[in-house]
Amino acid sequence: GLLLAGSAWAGADDLTEAAEGLCVNIKSCALEKIAKENVTDEMRSMMGPMMDNMCDAMQSKVQEVPEGHELYEPALLCMRSMESLTCAQMQDEDQVMTPACKEYERVAREAEAADK
């Protein structure tokens, strides 16, 4: 657990930074959505930790992909493509799976199959 605190970001590479950027984007979209809707303070205060958990999960996932690994580039392109989406696109299941992310999933599946 403790390693995941701030120190994990000390040697941040492109992929980690892209994941962090995407998280910031997702959080601001979620907050924007909450602001528009009539959400109770209780609900709002629950959203923060939920978002943080989601970001932590995403970041720990990308930390498993070492630089130079076959999944590194596709993962990076996926994160970056999602980072450029608008909030409306993020909420649209068809648009949130960008071509780059579909490609990453394909490569990841192939890599997984090769490992077996």
C-alpha atoms as a PDB file:
ATOM      1  CA  GLY A   1       0.000   0.000   0.000  1.00  0.00           C
ATOM      2  CA  LEU A   2       2.418   2.735   1.008  1.00  0.00           C
ATOM      3  CA  LEU A   3       4.332   2.660  -2.257  1.00  0.00           C
ATOM      4  CA  LEU A   4       1.273   3.852  -4.125  1.00  0.00           C
ATOM      5  CA  ALA A   5       1.423   7.181  -2.318  1.00  0.00           C
ATOM      6  CA  GLY A   6       3.095  10.203  -3.941  1.00  0.00           C
ATOM      7  CA  SER A   7       6.480   8.534  -4.283  1.00  0.00           C
ATOM      8  CA  ALA A   8       5.201   6.228  -7.019  1.00  0.00           C
ATOM      9  CA  TRP A   9       4.955   9.244  -9.301  1.00  0.00           C
ATOM     10  CA  ALA A  10       8.533  10.384  -8.770  1.00  0.00           C
ATOM     11  CA  GLY A  11       9.761   8.524 -11.851  1.00  0.00           C
ATOM     12  CA  ALA A  12       6.650   9.177 -13.890  1.00  0.00           C
ATOM     13  CA  ASP A  13       6.971   8.212 -17.522  1.00  0.00           C
ATOM     14  CA  ASP A  14       4.757   9.101 -20.468  1.00  0.00           C
ATOM     15  CA  LEU A  15       2.243   6.365 -19.755  1.00  0.00           C
ATOM     16  CA  THR A  16       1.882   7.261 -16.082  1.00  0.00           C
ATOM     17  CA  GLU A  17       1.488  10.922 -16.975  1.00  0.00           C
ATOM     18  CA  ALA A  18      -1.118  10.095 -19.610  1.00  0.00           C
ATOM     19  CA  ALA A  19      -3.055   8.042 -17.049  1.00  0.00           C
ATOM     20  CA  GLU A  20      -2.882  10.912 -14.600  1.00  0.00           C
ATOM     21  CA  GLY A  21      -4.050  13.377 -17.251  1.00  0.00           C
ATOM     22  CA  LEU A  22      -6.933  11.121 -18.165  1.00  0.00           C
ATOM     23  CA  CYS A  23      -7.938  10.862 -14.514  1.00  0.00           C
ATOM     24  CA  VAL A  24      -7.997  14.621 -14.131  1.00  0.00           C
ATOM     25  CA  ASN A  25     -10.178  14.804 -17.235  1.00  0.00           C
ATOM     26  CA  ILE A  26     -12.595  12.125 -15.988  1.00  0.00           C
ATOM     27  CA  LYS A  27     -12.842  13.785 -12.579  1.00  0.00           C
ATOM     28  CA  SER A  28     -13.584  17.210 -14.002  1.00  0.00           C
ATOM     29  CA  CYS A  29     -16.245  15.721 -16.292  1.00  0.00           C
ATOM     30  CA  ALA A  30     -17.847  13.921 -13.381  1.00  0.00           C
ATOM     31  CA  LEU A  31     -17.815  17.078 -11.273  1.00  0.00           C
ATOM     32  CA  GLU A  32     -19.281  19.055 -14.165  1.00  0.00           C
ATOM     33  CA  LYS A  33     -22.074  16.486 -14.501  1.00  0.00           C
ATOM     34  CA  ILE A  34     -22.717  16.578 -10.733  1.00  0.00           C
ATOM     35  CA  ALA A  35     -22.844  20.376 -10.804  1.00  0.00           C
ATOM     36  CA  LYS A  36     -25.558  20.312 -13.476  1.00  0.00           C
ATOM     37  CA  GLU A  37     -27.629  17.746 -11.666  1.00  0.00           C
ATOM     38  CA  ASN A  38     -29.358  18.207  -8.373  1.00  0.00           C
ATOM     39  CA  VAL A  39     -27.010  16.075  -6.303  1.00  0.00           C
ATOM     40  CA  THR A  40     -27.020  16.072  -2.515  1.00  0.00           C
ATOM     41  CA  ASP A  41     -23.864  17.088  -0.660  1.00  0.00           C
ATOM     42  CA  GLU A  42     -23.703  13.557   0.681  1.00  0.00           C
ATOM     43  CA  MET A  43     -23.661  12.152  -2.837  1.00  0.00           C
ATOM     44  CA  ARG A  44     -21.072  14.713  -3.876  1.00  0.00           C
ATOM     45  CA  SER A  45     -18.771  13.849  -0.994  1.00  0.00           C
ATOM     46  CA  MET A  46     -19.003  10.162  -1.903  1.00  0.00           C
ATOM     47  CA  MET A  47     -18.018  10.881  -5.500  1.00  0.00           C
ATOM     48  CA  GLY A  48     -14.567  12.194  -4.603  1.00  0.00           C
ATOM     49  CA  PRO A  49     -13.209   9.004  -3.023  1.00  0.00           C
ATOM     50  CA  MET A  50     -14.908   6.935  -5.729  1.00  0.00           C
ATOM     51  CA  MET A  51     -13.095   8.912  -8.415  1.00  0.00           C
ATOM     52  CA  ASP A  52      -9.804   8.645  -6.552  1.00  0.00           C
ATOM     53  CA  ASN A  53     -10.192   4.867  -6.304  1.00  0.00           C
ATOM     54  CA  MET A  54     -10.901   4.651 -10.003  1.00  0.00           C
ATOM     55  CA  CYS A  55      -7.825   6.722 -10.760  1.00  0.00           C
ATOM     56  CA  ASP A  56      -5.647   4.652  -8.451  1.00  0.00           C
ATOM     57  CA  ALA A  57      -6.855   1.483 -10.138  1.00  0.00           C
ATOM     58  CA  MET A  58      -6.142   2.903 -13.570  1.00  0.00           C
ATOM     59  CA  GLN A  59      -2.718   4.144 -12.568  1.00  0.00           C
ATOM     60  CA  SER A  60      -1.687   0.881 -10.928  1.00  0.00           C
ATOM     61  CA  LYS A  61      -2.784  -0.929 -14.072  1.00  0.00           C
ATOM     62  CA  VAL A  62      -0.536   1.155 -16.303  1.00  0.00           C
ATOM     63  CA  GLN A  63       2.341   0.860 -13.866  1.00  0.00           C
ATOM     64  CA  GLU A  64       2.367  -2.846 -14.644  1.00  0.00           C
ATOM     65  CA  VAL A  65       3.329  -2.075 -18.244  1.00  0.00           C
ATOM     66  CA  PRO A  66       7.078  -1.439 -18.410  1.00  0.00           C
ATOM     67  CA  GLU A  67       8.517   0.986 -20.944  1.00  0.00           C
ATOM     68  CA  GLY A  68       9.526  -0.837 -24.099  1.00  0.00           C
ATOM     69  CA  HIS A  69       6.925  -3.578 -23.522  1.00  0.00           C
ATOM     70  CA  GLU A  70       4.742  -4.420 -26.550  1.00  0.00           C
ATOM     71  CA  LEU A  71       1.699  -3.041 -24.701  1.00  0.00           C
ATOM     72  CA  TYR A  72       3.377   0.213 -23.700  1.00  0.00           C
ATOM     73  CA  GLU A  73       2.820   2.164 -26.913  1.00  0.00           C
ATOM     74  CA  PRO A  74      -0.786   0.957 -27.506  1.00  0.00           C
ATOM     75  CA  ALA A  75      -1.647   1.731 -23.859  1.00  0.00           C
ATOM     76  CA  LEU A  76      -0.137   5.197 -24.165  1.00  0.00           C
ATOM     77  CA  LEU A  77      -2.014   5.928 -27.397  1.00  0.00           C
ATOM     78  CA  CYS A  78      -5.254   4.729 -25.802  1.00  0.00           C
ATOM     79  CA  MET A  79      -4.829   6.958 -22.735  1.00  0.00           C
ATOM     80  CA  ARG A  80      -3.924   9.964 -24.855  1.00  0.00           C
ATOM     81  CA  SER A  81      -6.846   9.431 -27.217  1.00  0.00           C
ATOM     82  CA  MET A  82      -9.253   9.266 -24.267  1.00  0.00           C
ATOM     83  CA  GLU A  83      -7.676  12.312 -22.687  1.00  0.00           C
ATOM     84  CA  SER A  84      -8.719  14.392 -25.702  1.00  0.00           C
ATOM     85  CA  LEU A  85     -12.394  13.381 -25.516  1.00  0.00           C
ATOM     86  CA  THR A  86     -15.049  15.862 -24.469  1.00  0.00           C
ATOM     87  CA  CYS A  87     -17.187  15.117 -21.418  1.00  0.00           C
ATOM     88  CA  ALA A  88     -20.117  14.211 -23.664  1.00  0.00           C
ATOM     89  CA  GLN A  89     -17.943  11.743 -25.576  1.00  0.00           C
ATOM     90  CA  MET A  90     -16.700  10.229 -22.321  1.00  0.00           C
ATOM     91  CA  GLN A  91     -20.263   9.378 -21.360  1.00  0.00           C
ATOM     92  CA  ASP A  92     -20.972   7.797 -24.730  1.00  0.00           C
ATOM     93  CA  GLU A  93     -19.966   4.146 -24.651  1.00  0.00           C
ATOM     94  CA  ASP A  94     -19.395   4.052 -28.398  1.00  0.00           C
ATOM     95  CA  GLN A  95     -17.079   7.036 -28.389  1.00  0.00           C
ATOM     96  CA  VAL A  96     -15.172   6.345 -25.191  1.00  0.00           C
ATOM     97  CA  MET A  97     -13.718   3.189 -26.758  1.00  0.00           C
ATOM     98  CA  THR A  98     -11.482   5.116 -29.143  1.00  0.00           C
ATOM     99  CA  PRO A  99      -9.854   3.295 -32.081  1.00  0.00           C
ATOM    100  CA  ALA A 100      -6.559   3.469 -30.167  1.00  0.00           C
ATOM    101  CA  CYS A 101      -8.174   1.771 -27.158  1.00  0.00           C
ATOM    102  CA  LYS A 102      -9.755  -0.913 -29.314  1.00  0.00           C
ATOM    103  CA  GLU A 103      -6.312  -1.577 -30.744  1.00  0.00           C
ATOM    104  CA  TYR A 104      -4.805  -1.706 -27.234  1.00  0.00           C
ATOM    105  CA  GLU A 105      -7.443  -4.245 -26.168  1.00  0.00           C
ATOM    106  CA  ARG A 106      -6.707  -6.355 -29.232  1.00  0.00           C
ATOM    107  CA  VAL A 107      -2.950  -6.317 -28.593  1.00  0.00           C
ATOM    108  CA  ALA A 108      -3.484  -6.997 -24.885  1.00  0.00           C
ATOM    109  CA  ARG A 109      -5.705  -9.987 -25.655  1.00  0.00           C
ATOM    110  CA  GLU A 110      -3.126 -11.374 -28.068  1.00  0.00           C
ATOM    111  CA  ALA A 111      -0.344 -10.891 -25.527  1.00  0.00           C
ATOM    112  CA  GLU A 112      -2.424 -12.655 -22.902  1.00  0.00           C
ATOM    113  CA  ALA A 113      -3.139 -15.551 -25.232  1.00  0.00           C
ATOM    114  CA  ALA A 114       0.570 -15.820 -26.037  1.00  0.00           C
ATOM    115  CA  ASP A 115       1.424 -16.037 -22.337  1.00  0.00           C
ATOM    116  CA  LYS A 116      -0.757 -19.094 -21.817  1.00  0.00           C
END
